[in-house]
C-alpha atoms as a PDB file:
ATOM      1  CA  MET A   1     232.115 -10.307  86.379  1.00  0.00           C
ATOM      2  CA  ASN A   2     234.063 -13.423  87.415  1.00  0.00           C
ATOM      3  CA  LYS A   3     231.940 -16.627  87.011  1.00  0.00           C
ATOM      4  CA  GLU A   4     233.629 -18.416  89.772  1.00  0.00           C
ATOM      5  CA  ILE A   5     230.539 -20.278  91.034  1.00  0.00           C
ATOM      6  CA  LYS A   6     231.440 -23.951  91.498  1.00  0.00           C
ATOM      7  CA  PHE A   7     228.784 -27.094  91.923  1.00  0.00           C
ATOM      8  CA  THR A   8     229.774 -30.334  93.465  1.00  0.00           C
ATOM      9  CA  ASP A   9     228.925 -33.874  91.419  1.00  0.00           C
ATOM     10  CA  LYS A  10     226.011 -34.253  94.032  1.00  0.00           C
ATOM     11  CA  ALA A  11     224.512 -30.780  93.254  1.00  0.00           C
ATOM     12  CA  ILE A  12     224.855 -31.430  89.529  1.00  0.00           C
ATOM     13  CA  LYS A  13     223.151 -34.888  89.728  1.00  0.00           C
ATOM     14  CA  GLN A  14     220.323 -33.638  92.037  1.00  0.00           C
ATOM     15  CA  ILE A  15     219.742 -30.760  89.401  1.00  0.00           C
ATOM     16  CA  ASN A  16     219.685 -33.069  86.500  1.00  0.00           C
ATOM     17  CA  HIS A  17     217.365 -35.571  88.519  1.00  0.00           C
ATOM     18  CA  LEU A  18     214.837 -32.667  89.012  1.00  0.00           C
ATOM     19  CA  LEU A  19     214.857 -31.480  85.532  1.00  0.00           C
ATOM     20  CA  LEU A  20     213.900 -35.241  84.383  1.00  0.00           C
ATOM     21  CA  GLU A  21     210.604 -34.573  86.204  1.00  0.00           C
ATOM     22  CA  LYS A  22     209.908 -31.326  84.384  1.00  0.00           C
ATOM     23  CA  ASP A  23     209.106 -30.410  80.733  1.00  0.00           C
ATOM     24  CA  LYS A  24     211.739 -30.554  78.218  1.00  0.00           C
ATOM     25  CA  GLY A  25     213.655 -27.352  77.793  1.00  0.00           C
ATOM     26  CA  SER A  26     213.232 -26.388  81.396  1.00  0.00           C
ATOM     27  CA  PHE A  27     215.937 -24.917  83.465  1.00  0.00           C
ATOM     28  CA  PHE A  28     217.059 -24.988  87.072  1.00  0.00           C
ATOM     29  CA  ARG A  29     217.163 -21.498  88.538  1.00  0.00           C
ATOM     30  CA  ILE A  30     219.037 -20.162  91.364  1.00  0.00           C
ATOM     31  CA  ALA A  31     218.683 -16.637  92.592  1.00  0.00           C
ATOM     32  CA  ILE A  32     219.047 -14.439  95.600  1.00  0.00           C
ATOM     33  CA  LYS A  33     215.958 -12.494  96.939  1.00  0.00           C
ATOM     34  CA  GLY A  34     215.323 -10.160  99.840  1.00  0.00           C
ATOM     35  CA  GLY A  35     213.991 -11.606 102.816  1.00  0.00           C
ATOM     36  CA  GLY A  36     214.276 -14.248 105.283  1.00  0.00           C
ATOM     37  CA  CYS A  37     215.501 -13.822 108.870  1.00  0.00           C
ATOM     38  CA  SER A  38     219.103 -12.186 107.750  1.00  0.00           C
ATOM     39  CA  GLY A  39     217.971 -10.207 105.056  1.00  0.00           C
ATOM     40  CA  PHE A  40     218.715 -12.061 101.720  1.00  0.00           C
ATOM     41  CA  GLN A  41     217.511 -15.642 101.140  1.00  0.00           C
ATOM     42  CA  TYR A  42     218.347 -18.450  98.347  1.00  0.00           C
ATOM     43  CA  ASP A  43     215.491 -19.048  95.818  1.00  0.00           C
ATOM     44  CA  PHE A  44     215.631 -22.234  93.821  1.00  0.00           C
ATOM     45  CA  SER A  45     212.601 -22.721  91.076  1.00  0.00           C
ATOM     46  CA  PHE A  46     212.339 -23.895  87.551  1.00  0.00           C
ATOM     47  CA  ASP A  47     212.084 -21.615  84.725  1.00  0.00           C
ATOM     48  CA  LYS A  48     211.391 -22.363  80.891  1.00  0.00           C
ATOM     49  CA  ASN A  49     212.758 -18.707  79.839  1.00  0.00           C
ATOM     50  CA  GLN A  50     216.426 -17.706  79.961  1.00  0.00           C
ATOM     51  CA  GLU A  51     216.789 -13.839  80.166  1.00  0.00           C
ATOM     52  CA  THR A  52     219.364 -11.911  78.527  1.00  0.00           C
ATOM     53  CA  ASP A  53     221.277 -11.094  81.339  1.00  0.00           C
ATOM     54  CA  ASP A  54     221.224 -14.750  82.792  1.00  0.00           C
ATOM     55  CA  VAL A  55     224.416 -16.383  83.511  1.00  0.00           C
ATOM     56  CA  ARG A  56     224.099 -20.282  82.351  1.00  0.00           C
ATOM     57  CA  PHE A  57     225.905 -23.106  83.526  1.00  0.00           C
ATOM     58  CA  ASN A  58     224.527 -25.978  81.268  1.00  0.00           C
ATOM     59  CA  ASN A  59     220.950 -26.187  82.503  1.00  0.00           C
ATOM     60  CA  ILE A  60     221.440 -24.006  85.072  1.00  0.00           C
ATOM     61  CA  LEU A  61     220.245 -20.147  85.266  1.00  0.00           C
ATOM     62  CA  ILE A  62     221.421 -17.464  87.656  1.00  0.00           C
ATOM     63  CA  ASP A  63     220.525 -13.968  87.055  1.00  0.00           C
ATOM     64  CA  LYS A  64     223.346 -11.113  86.715  1.00  0.00           C
ATOM     65  CA  GLN A  65     222.701  -9.523  90.117  1.00  0.00           C
ATOM     66  CA  SER A  66     222.514 -13.345  92.047  1.00  0.00           C
ATOM     67  CA  ALA A  67     225.536 -14.084  90.107  1.00  0.00           C
ATOM     68  CA  GLU A  68     227.701 -11.440  91.303  1.00  0.00           C
ATOM     69  CA  LEU A  69     226.340 -11.957  94.724  1.00  0.00           C
ATOM     70  CA  LEU A  70     227.296 -16.142  94.755  1.00  0.00           C
ATOM     71  CA  ASN A  71     230.778 -15.356  93.385  1.00  0.00           C
ATOM     72  CA  GLY A  72     232.967 -17.466  94.860  1.00  0.00           C
ATOM     73  CA  SER A  73     230.448 -19.783  96.413  1.00  0.00           C
ATOM     74  CA  GLU A  74     230.211 -23.583  95.988  1.00  0.00           C
ATOM     75  CA  ILE A  75     226.852 -24.914  95.539  1.00  0.00           C
ATOM     76  CA  ASP A  76     226.463 -28.704  97.139  1.00  0.00           C
ATOM     77  CA  PHE A  77     223.239 -31.044  97.793  1.00  0.00           C
ATOM     78  CA  VAL A  78     223.585 -32.589 101.182  1.00  0.00           C
ATOM     79  CA  LYS A  79     221.556 -35.149 103.002  1.00  0.00           C
ATOM     80  CA  GLU A  80     221.259 -34.961 106.806  1.00  0.00           C
ATOM     81  CA  LEU A  81     219.093 -35.830 109.403  1.00  0.00           C
ATOM     82  CA  ILE A  82     217.051 -32.860 109.198  1.00  0.00           C
ATOM     83  CA  GLY A  83     216.240 -33.584 105.376  1.00  0.00           C
ATOM     84  CA  GLU A  84     218.230 -32.941 101.769  1.00  0.00           C
ATOM     85  CA  SER A  85     218.585 -29.606 100.601  1.00  0.00           C
ATOM     86  CA  PHE A  86     220.823 -27.539  98.591  1.00  0.00           C
ATOM     87  CA  LYS A  87     223.493 -26.025 100.413  1.00  0.00           C
ATOM     88  CA  ILE A  88     225.604 -22.612  99.210  1.00  0.00           C
ATOM     89  CA  ASN A  89     228.820 -21.910 100.668  1.00  0.00           C
ATOM     90  CA  ASN A  90     229.220 -18.302 100.097  1.00  0.00           C
ATOM     91  CA  PRO A  91     232.151 -16.485 101.213  1.00  0.00           C
ATOM     92  CA  GLN A  92     230.593 -13.091 100.719  1.00  0.00           C
ATOM     93  CA  SER A  93     227.937 -14.361 103.461  1.00  0.00           C
ATOM     94  CA  LYS A  94     228.853 -12.219 106.750  1.00  0.00           C
ATOM     95  CA  SER A  95     226.270 -14.293 108.667  1.00  0.00           C
ATOM     96  CA  SER A  96     223.600 -16.543 108.218  1.00  0.00           C
ATOM     97  CA  CYS A  97     220.400 -17.738 110.136  1.00  0.00           C
ATOM     98  CA  GLY A  98     220.092 -21.095 111.953  1.00  0.00           C
ATOM     99  CA  CYS A  99     218.178 -22.736 109.263  1.00  0.00           C
ATOM    100  CA  GLY A 100     220.824 -22.214 106.768  1.00  0.00           C
ATOM    101  CA  VAL A 101     218.291 -20.561 104.077  1.00  0.00           C
ATOM    102  CA  SER A 102     219.057 -16.584 104.692  1.00  0.00           C
ATOM    103  CA  PHE A 103     222.116 -14.663 105.233  1.00  0.00           C
ATOM    104  CA  SER A 104     223.342 -11.179 105.410  1.00  0.00           C
ATOM    105  CA  LEU A 105     226.280  -9.329 103.390  1.00  0.00           C
END
């Protein structure tokens, strides 16, 4: 697997900020799960445990299957009129819904 997942400085800064509020030793987990209006959706959570098949980027964990689906993606943190959120530019995504949370492959 090619680990070509990029994180912008804004995304790293926000993840580090969020982790400051969690217990020491916590990780920020990014996953892709089935669901949403387009078939798949991004999931952001906190986790204390690293699994053996997790891909790790400093304090960020991504399970192997999600990492393969995120290959080539750029993860950013944006502030817009509708609020603040992580935004993933995934070249493997064929379409996404209007809210930008779910997508299809």
